[in-house]
Amino acid sequence: MKKMRFLMPIGFLAMVAGFSAVVMMLWNWLMPSILGLVAINFWQALGLLVLARILFSGFGHGRRMGHWGMHGKKMHGGNAVREKWAKMTPEEREEFIKERQAYMRRGRFGGHDFFGECNGKKNPNNSAESSNG
């Protein structure tokens, strides 16, 4: 058991070195030919990995929520959405479904497409069409 404790940091360092080598090889193989960037060395590849970790994962261990829910409510091994759904009355469920369907129908621009039409109909508030100038 004590040997395993000694080998874990060595295994971690070997893993980091392996990932750095893979990043270096892929960068040097792809980036100079695709984007005309310069080749990088092992330490620059390691720096890229650290930068990516900071930018995309933060400084933690990747478990920001842990056993806590998104809104600070502790989740006791269950699914919060299913628990909420189970507590709803049939009328509340029906209303929730209708609201969700209406939300989904509104789409990306809140029911308006990019050119000012609202669900297939011309928007009367469109300034280009309503101005008679």
N, C-alpha and C. Protein backbone atom coordinates (compact mmCIF):
# COMPACT_ATOMS: atom_id res chain seq x y z
N MET A 1 0.82 -1.19 0.00
CA MET A 1 0.00 0.00 0.00
C MET A 1 0.86 1.25 0.00
N LYS A 2 1.98 1.23 0.73
CA LYS A 2 2.86 2.38 0.77
C LYS A 2 3.54 2.60 -0.58
N LYS A 3 3.76 1.51 -1.33
CA LYS A 3 4.34 1.65 -2.65
C LYS A 3 3.39 2.39 -3.58
N MET A 4 2.12 2.16 -3.43
CA MET A 4 1.13 2.83 -4.27
C MET A 4 1.13 4.33 -4.01
N ARG A 5 1.29 4.73 -2.77
CA ARG A 5 1.33 6.16 -2.44
C ARG A 5 2.55 6.82 -3.07
N PHE A 6 3.64 6.09 -3.15
CA PHE A 6 4.85 6.62 -3.75
C PHE A 6 4.73 6.69 -5.28
N LEU A 7 4.03 5.70 -5.86
CA LEU A 7 3.91 5.63 -7.31
C LEU A 7 2.87 6.60 -7.89
N MET A 8 1.92 7.04 -7.09
CA MET A 8 0.87 7.91 -7.61
C MET A 8 1.43 9.23 -8.13
N PRO A 9 2.29 9.95 -7.41
CA PRO A 9 2.84 11.18 -7.98
C PRO A 9 3.69 10.93 -9.23
N ILE A 10 4.39 9.82 -9.25
CA ILE A 10 5.20 9.49 -10.43
C ILE A 10 4.28 9.20 -11.61
N GLY A 11 3.21 8.48 -11.37
CA GLY A 11 2.23 8.22 -12.43
C GLY A 11 1.58 9.49 -12.94
N PHE A 12 1.28 10.40 -12.01
CA PHE A 12 0.70 11.68 -12.40
C PHE A 12 1.66 12.47 -13.28
N LEU A 13 2.93 12.53 -12.87
CA LEU A 13 3.93 13.26 -13.66
C LEU A 13 4.13 12.61 -15.03
N ALA A 14 4.09 11.28 -15.08
CA ALA A 14 4.22 10.58 -16.35
C ALA A 14 3.03 10.90 -17.26
N MET A 15 1.84 10.97 -16.68
CA MET A 15 0.65 11.29 -17.45
C MET A 15 0.72 12.72 -18.00
N VAL A 16 1.14 13.66 -17.18
CA VAL A 16 1.28 15.05 -17.62
C VAL A 16 2.32 15.15 -18.72
N ALA A 17 3.45 14.46 -18.55
CA ALA A 17 4.49 14.47 -19.58
C ALA A 17 3.99 13.85 -20.88
N GLY A 18 3.22 12.78 -20.77
CA GLY A 18 2.65 12.14 -21.96
C GLY A 18 1.69 13.06 -22.70
N PHE A 19 0.79 13.71 -21.94
CA PHE A 19 -0.14 14.65 -22.57
C PHE A 19 0.60 15.82 -23.22
N SER A 20 1.63 16.31 -22.55
CA SER A 20 2.41 17.41 -23.11
C SER A 20 3.09 16.99 -24.40
N ALA A 21 3.62 15.79 -24.43
CA ALA A 21 4.28 15.30 -25.64
C ALA A 21 3.28 15.15 -26.79
N VAL A 22 2.09 14.65 -26.47
CA VAL A 22 1.05 14.50 -27.51
C VAL A 22 0.64 15.87 -28.03
N VAL A 23 0.43 16.85 -27.14
CA VAL A 23 0.07 18.20 -27.57
C VAL A 23 1.16 18.79 -28.45
N MET A 24 2.42 18.61 -28.05
CA MET A 24 3.55 19.13 -28.82
C MET A 24 3.58 18.50 -30.22
N MET A 25 3.43 17.18 -30.29
CA MET A 25 3.48 16.51 -31.59
C MET A 25 2.32 16.92 -32.48
N LEU A 26 1.12 16.98 -31.92
CA LEU A 26 -0.03 17.39 -32.72
C LEU A 26 0.10 18.83 -33.19
N TRP A 27 0.53 19.71 -32.31
CA TRP A 27 0.72 21.12 -32.68
C TRP A 27 1.73 21.22 -33.82
N ASN A 28 2.88 20.59 -33.63
CA ASN A 28 3.95 20.70 -34.62
C ASN A 28 3.58 20.03 -35.95
N TRP A 29 2.68 19.08 -35.91
CA TRP A 29 2.25 18.41 -37.13
C TRP A 29 1.19 19.23 -37.86
N LEU A 30 0.24 19.84 -37.10
CA LEU A 30 -0.90 20.50 -37.72
C LEU A 30 -0.76 22.01 -37.89
N MET A 31 -0.39 22.70 -36.84
CA MET A 31 -0.47 24.16 -36.85
C MET A 31 0.45 24.85 -37.86
N PRO A 32 1.70 24.42 -38.02
CA PRO A 32 2.52 25.11 -39.01
C PRO A 32 1.98 24.97 -40.44
N SER A 33 1.43 23.81 -40.78
CA SER A 33 0.92 23.63 -42.14
C SER A 33 -0.45 24.24 -42.35
N ILE A 34 -1.29 24.27 -41.32
CA ILE A 34 -2.65 24.80 -41.47
C ILE A 34 -2.67 26.31 -41.32
N LEU A 35 -2.11 26.82 -40.23
CA LEU A 35 -2.20 28.25 -39.92
C LEU A 35 -0.88 29.00 -40.06
N GLY A 36 0.17 28.30 -40.41
CA GLY A 36 1.46 28.95 -40.56
C GLY A 36 2.10 29.37 -39.25
N LEU A 37 1.73 28.72 -38.15
CA LEU A 37 2.32 29.05 -36.85
C LEU A 37 3.63 28.31 -36.66
N VAL A 38 4.44 28.77 -35.72
CA VAL A 38 5.74 28.15 -35.48
C VAL A 38 5.58 26.88 -34.65
N ALA A 39 6.58 26.02 -34.73
CA ALA A 39 6.59 24.80 -33.92
C ALA A 39 6.87 25.17 -32.46
N ILE A 40 6.42 24.32 -31.55
CA ILE A 40 6.61 24.57 -30.12
C ILE A 40 7.44 23.45 -29.52
N ASN A 41 8.02 23.71 -28.35
CA ASN A 41 8.78 22.67 -27.66
C ASN A 41 7.93 22.05 -26.55
N PHE A 42 8.50 21.12 -25.82
CA PHE A 42 7.79 20.39 -24.77
C PHE A 42 7.23 21.33 -23.70
N TRP A 43 8.03 22.28 -23.25
CA TRP A 43 7.61 23.16 -22.16
C TRP A 43 6.51 24.12 -22.61
N GLN A 44 6.53 24.53 -23.86
CA GLN A 44 5.44 25.36 -24.37
C GLN A 44 4.15 24.55 -24.47
N ALA A 45 4.27 23.28 -24.83
CA ALA A 45 3.10 22.41 -24.87
C ALA A 45 2.52 22.22 -23.47
N LEU A 46 3.40 22.06 -22.48
CA LEU A 46 2.95 21.96 -21.10
C LEU A 46 2.25 23.24 -20.67
N GLY A 47 2.80 24.38 -21.07
CA GLY A 47 2.17 25.66 -20.77
C GLY A 47 0.80 25.79 -21.42
N LEU A 48 0.65 25.28 -22.65
CA LEU A 48 -0.67 25.29 -23.30
C LEU A 48 -1.68 24.45 -22.53
N LEU A 49 -1.24 23.30 -22.05
CA LEU A 49 -2.13 22.45 -21.25
C LEU A 49 -2.57 23.15 -19.98
N VAL A 50 -1.64 23.80 -19.30
CA VAL A 50 -1.97 24.52 -18.07
C VAL A 50 -2.93 25.67 -18.38
N LEU A 51 -2.66 26.41 -19.46
CA LEU A 51 -3.54 27.51 -19.85
C LEU A 51 -4.94 27.02 -20.19
N ALA A 52 -5.03 25.92 -20.92
CA ALA A 52 -6.34 25.36 -21.25
C ALA A 52 -7.07 24.92 -19.98
N ARG A 53 -6.35 24.35 -19.04
CA ARG A 53 -6.95 23.93 -17.78
C ARG A 53 -7.51 25.12 -17.02
N ILE A 54 -6.75 26.20 -16.98
CA ILE A 54 -7.20 27.39 -16.27
C ILE A 54 -8.41 28.01 -16.97
N LEU A 55 -8.35 28.12 -18.29
CA LEU A 55 -9.42 28.79 -19.02
C LEU A 55 -10.71 27.98 -19.05
N PHE A 56 -10.61 26.68 -19.20
CA PHE A 56 -11.81 25.87 -19.39
C PHE A 56 -12.26 25.11 -18.16
N SER A 57 -11.43 24.99 -17.14
CA SER A 57 -11.83 24.24 -15.95
C SER A 57 -11.75 25.06 -14.69
N GLY A 58 -11.15 26.20 -14.71
CA GLY A 58 -10.95 26.96 -13.50
C GLY A 58 -9.78 26.40 -12.71
N PHE A 59 -9.65 26.82 -11.47
CA PHE A 59 -8.53 26.39 -10.64
C PHE A 59 -8.87 25.17 -9.81
N GLY A 60 -10.15 24.77 -9.78
CA GLY A 60 -10.56 23.65 -8.94
C GLY A 60 -10.23 22.32 -9.58
N HIS A 61 -10.85 21.29 -9.07
CA HIS A 61 -10.61 19.94 -9.55
C HIS A 61 -11.64 19.51 -10.57
N GLY A 62 -12.39 20.44 -11.17
CA GLY A 62 -13.39 20.10 -12.15
C GLY A 62 -14.73 19.73 -11.55
N ARG A 63 -14.85 19.79 -10.23
CA ARG A 63 -16.11 19.45 -9.56
C ARG A 63 -16.57 20.66 -8.76
N ARG A 64 -17.03 21.65 -9.46
CA ARG A 64 -17.43 22.87 -8.77
C ARG A 64 -18.70 22.67 -7.96
N MET A 65 -19.61 21.85 -8.47
CA MET A 65 -20.86 21.68 -7.75
C MET A 65 -20.77 20.55 -6.73
N GLY A 66 -20.02 19.52 -7.03
CA GLY A 66 -19.92 18.39 -6.11
C GLY A 66 -21.29 17.78 -5.87
N HIS A 67 -21.65 17.62 -4.62
CA HIS A 67 -22.96 17.06 -4.30
C HIS A 67 -24.00 18.16 -4.11
N TRP A 68 -23.62 19.41 -4.39
CA TRP A 68 -24.56 20.52 -4.29
C TRP A 68 -25.16 20.79 -5.65
N GLY A 69 -26.38 21.19 -5.68
CA GLY A 69 -27.06 21.51 -6.93
C GLY A 69 -26.58 22.82 -7.50
N MET A 70 -27.11 23.20 -8.64
CA MET A 70 -26.69 24.41 -9.32
C MET A 70 -27.05 25.66 -8.53
N HIS A 71 -28.09 25.61 -7.76
CA HIS A 71 -28.57 26.81 -7.06
C HIS A 71 -28.29 26.74 -5.56
N GLY A 72 -27.29 25.96 -5.17
CA GLY A 72 -26.92 25.90 -3.77
C GLY A 72 -27.77 24.97 -2.94
N LYS A 73 -28.69 24.24 -3.57
CA LYS A 73 -29.52 23.30 -2.81
C LYS A 73 -28.84 21.94 -2.81
N LYS A 74 -28.78 21.35 -1.66
CA LYS A 74 -28.12 20.06 -1.56
C LYS A 74 -29.00 18.99 -2.18
N MET A 75 -28.38 18.19 -3.03
CA MET A 75 -29.11 17.09 -3.67
C MET A 75 -28.74 15.81 -2.95
N HIS A 76 -29.70 15.08 -2.49
CA HIS A 76 -29.44 13.87 -1.71
C HIS A 76 -29.53 12.64 -2.61
N GLY A 77 -28.67 12.59 -3.62
CA GLY A 77 -28.60 11.40 -4.46
C GLY A 77 -29.73 11.28 -5.45
N GLY A 78 -30.67 12.20 -5.48
CA GLY A 78 -31.78 12.10 -6.40
C GLY A 78 -31.68 13.13 -7.50
N ASN A 79 -32.61 13.06 -8.42
CA ASN A 79 -32.67 14.01 -9.51
C ASN A 79 -33.65 15.11 -9.11
N ALA A 80 -33.17 16.35 -9.01
CA ALA A 80 -34.00 17.44 -8.53
C ALA A 80 -35.19 17.70 -9.44
N VAL A 81 -35.01 17.56 -10.75
CA VAL A 81 -36.10 17.80 -11.69
C VAL A 81 -37.18 16.74 -11.51
N ARG A 82 -36.78 15.49 -11.37
CA ARG A 82 -37.76 14.42 -11.17
C ARG A 82 -38.51 14.60 -9.84
N GLU A 83 -37.79 15.02 -8.82
CA GLU A 83 -38.45 15.24 -7.53
C GLU A 83 -39.48 16.37 -7.64
N LYS A 84 -39.13 17.45 -8.33
CA LYS A 84 -40.06 18.55 -8.51
C LYS A 84 -41.27 18.11 -9.33
N TRP A 85 -41.03 17.33 -10.39
CA TRP A 85 -42.10 16.83 -11.23
C TRP A 85 -43.04 15.93 -10.41
N ALA A 86 -42.48 15.11 -9.55
CA ALA A 86 -43.29 14.19 -8.74
C ALA A 86 -44.18 14.95 -7.76
N LYS A 87 -43.75 16.14 -7.32
CA LYS A 87 -44.54 16.92 -6.38
C LYS A 87 -45.63 17.76 -7.05
N MET A 88 -45.60 17.87 -8.39
CA MET A 88 -46.58 18.68 -9.11
C MET A 88 -47.92 17.95 -9.20
N THR A 89 -48.97 18.74 -9.18
CA THR A 89 -50.30 18.19 -9.44
C THR A 89 -50.46 18.00 -10.95
N PRO A 90 -51.42 17.20 -11.38
CA PRO A 90 -51.63 17.04 -12.83
C PRO A 90 -51.90 18.37 -13.54
N GLU A 91 -52.59 19.29 -12.87
CA GLU A 91 -52.86 20.59 -13.48
C GLU A 91 -51.56 21.39 -13.64
N GLU A 92 -50.69 21.33 -12.62
CA GLU A 92 -49.41 22.04 -12.71
C GLU A 92 -48.54 21.44 -13.82
N ARG A 93 -48.58 20.13 -13.95
CA ARG A 93 -47.82 19.49 -15.02
C ARG A 93 -48.31 19.93 -16.39
N GLU A 94 -49.63 19.96 -16.56
CA GLU A 94 -50.21 20.39 -17.84
C GLU A 94 -49.83 21.84 -18.15
N GLU A 95 -49.88 22.71 -17.15
CA GLU A 95 -49.50 24.11 -17.35
C GLU A 95 -48.01 24.23 -17.69
N PHE A 96 -47.19 23.44 -17.02
CA PHE A 96 -45.76 23.45 -17.31
C PHE A 96 -45.49 23.03 -18.75
N ILE A 97 -46.16 21.99 -19.20
CA ILE A 97 -45.98 21.50 -20.58
C ILE A 97 -46.40 22.57 -21.58
N LYS A 98 -47.54 23.23 -21.32
CA LYS A 98 -48.01 24.28 -22.24
C LYS A 98 -47.03 25.45 -22.28
N GLU A 99 -46.52 25.87 -21.13
CA GLU A 99 -45.55 26.97 -21.10
C GLU A 99 -44.27 26.58 -21.82
N ARG A 100 -43.83 25.36 -21.64
CA ARG A 100 -42.60 24.91 -22.30
C ARG A 100 -42.78 24.84 -23.81
N GLN A 101 -43.95 24.37 -24.26
CA GLN A 101 -44.21 24.33 -25.70
C GLN A 101 -44.26 25.73 -26.29
N ALA A 102 -44.88 26.67 -25.58
CA ALA A 102 -44.94 28.05 -26.06
C ALA A 102 -43.53 28.65 -26.11
N TYR A 103 -42.72 28.36 -25.13
CA TYR A 103 -41.35 28.84 -25.11
C TYR A 103 -40.56 28.29 -26.30
N MET A 104 -40.73 27.01 -26.58
CA MET A 104 -40.00 26.39 -27.68
C MET A 104 -40.47 26.92 -29.03
N ARG A 105 -41.76 27.27 -29.15
CA ARG A 105 -42.28 27.83 -30.40
C ARG A 105 -41.74 29.22 -30.68
N ARG A 106 -41.45 29.99 -29.63
CA ARG A 106 -40.94 31.35 -29.82
C ARG A 106 -39.59 31.34 -30.51
N GLY A 107 -38.80 30.34 -30.28
CA GLY A 107 -37.54 30.18 -30.99
C GLY A 107 -36.45 31.12 -30.54
N ARG A 108 -35.45 31.24 -31.39
CA ARG A 108 -34.23 31.95 -31.04
C ARG A 108 -34.43 33.45 -30.86
N PHE A 109 -35.29 34.04 -31.66
CA PHE A 109 -35.47 35.49 -31.61
C PHE A 109 -36.78 35.87 -30.92
N GLY A 110 -37.27 35.05 -30.03
CA GLY A 110 -38.48 35.36 -29.28
C GLY A 110 -39.72 35.43 -30.16
N GLY A 111 -39.83 34.57 -31.16
CA GLY A 111 -40.98 34.56 -32.05
C GLY A 111 -40.76 35.38 -33.30
N HIS A 112 -39.71 36.16 -33.35
CA HIS A 112 -39.40 36.98 -34.52
C HIS A 112 -38.19 36.40 -35.21
N ASP A 113 -38.27 36.28 -36.51
CA ASP A 113 -37.07 35.86 -37.20
C ASP A 113 -36.18 37.08 -37.46
N PHE A 114 -35.10 36.87 -38.11
CA PHE A 114 -34.11 37.92 -38.29
C PHE A 114 -34.64 39.08 -39.12
N PHE A 115 -35.61 38.83 -40.01
CA PHE A 115 -36.09 39.86 -40.92
C PHE A 115 -37.38 40.53 -40.45
N GLY A 116 -37.74 40.36 -39.21
CA GLY A 116 -38.87 41.08 -38.64
C GLY A 116 -40.21 40.39 -38.77
N GLU A 117 -40.24 39.15 -39.23
CA GLU A 117 -41.50 38.43 -39.30
C GLU A 117 -41.74 37.72 -37.98
N CYS A 118 -42.99 37.69 -37.55
CA CYS A 118 -43.36 37.05 -36.29
C CYS A 118 -44.19 35.82 -36.59
N ASN A 119 -43.61 34.65 -36.43
CA ASN A 119 -44.28 33.38 -36.67
C ASN A 119 -44.94 33.34 -38.05
N GLY A 120 -44.21 33.79 -39.04
CA GLY A 120 -44.70 33.74 -40.41
C GLY A 120 -45.48 34.96 -40.84
N LYS A 121 -45.79 35.89 -39.94
CA LYS A 121 -46.56 37.09 -40.26
C LYS A 121 -45.63 38.29 -40.23
N LYS A 122 -45.90 39.27 -41.07
CA LYS A 122 -45.08 40.48 -41.08
C LYS A 122 -45.30 41.25 -39.80
N ASN A 123 -44.26 41.82 -39.27
CA ASN A 123 -44.31 42.59 -38.04
C ASN A 123 -44.78 44.01 -38.36
N PRO A 124 -45.92 44.44 -37.81
CA PRO A 124 -46.42 45.79 -38.12
C PRO A 124 -45.55 46.88 -37.49
N ASN A 125 -44.73 46.54 -36.51
CA ASN A 125 -43.88 47.53 -35.87
C ASN A 125 -42.54 47.69 -36.55
N ASN A 126 -42.35 47.03 -37.68
CA ASN A 126 -41.09 47.12 -38.41
C ASN A 126 -40.95 48.52 -38.97
N SER A 127 -39.91 49.24 -38.59
CA SER A 127 -39.77 50.66 -38.95
C SER A 127 -39.58 50.85 -40.43
N ALA A 128 -39.01 49.88 -41.15
CA ALA A 128 -38.78 50.03 -42.59
C ALA A 128 -40.09 50.00 -43.36
N GLU A 129 -41.07 49.21 -42.89
CA GLU A 129 -42.34 49.09 -43.60
C GLU A 129 -43.33 50.15 -43.17
N SER A 130 -43.30 50.58 -41.90
CA SER A 130 -44.32 51.50 -41.42
C SER A 130 -43.99 52.96 -41.73
N SER A 131 -42.73 53.27 -42.08
CA SER A 131 -42.42 54.66 -42.38
C SER A 131 -42.81 54.99 -43.80
N ASN A 132 -43.54 56.08 -43.98
CA ASN A 132 -44.01 56.50 -45.30
C ASN A 132 -43.25 57.73 -45.76
N GLY A 133 -41.96 57.74 -45.56
CA GLY A 133 -41.24 58.94 -45.78
C GLY A 133 -40.50 59.07 -47.00
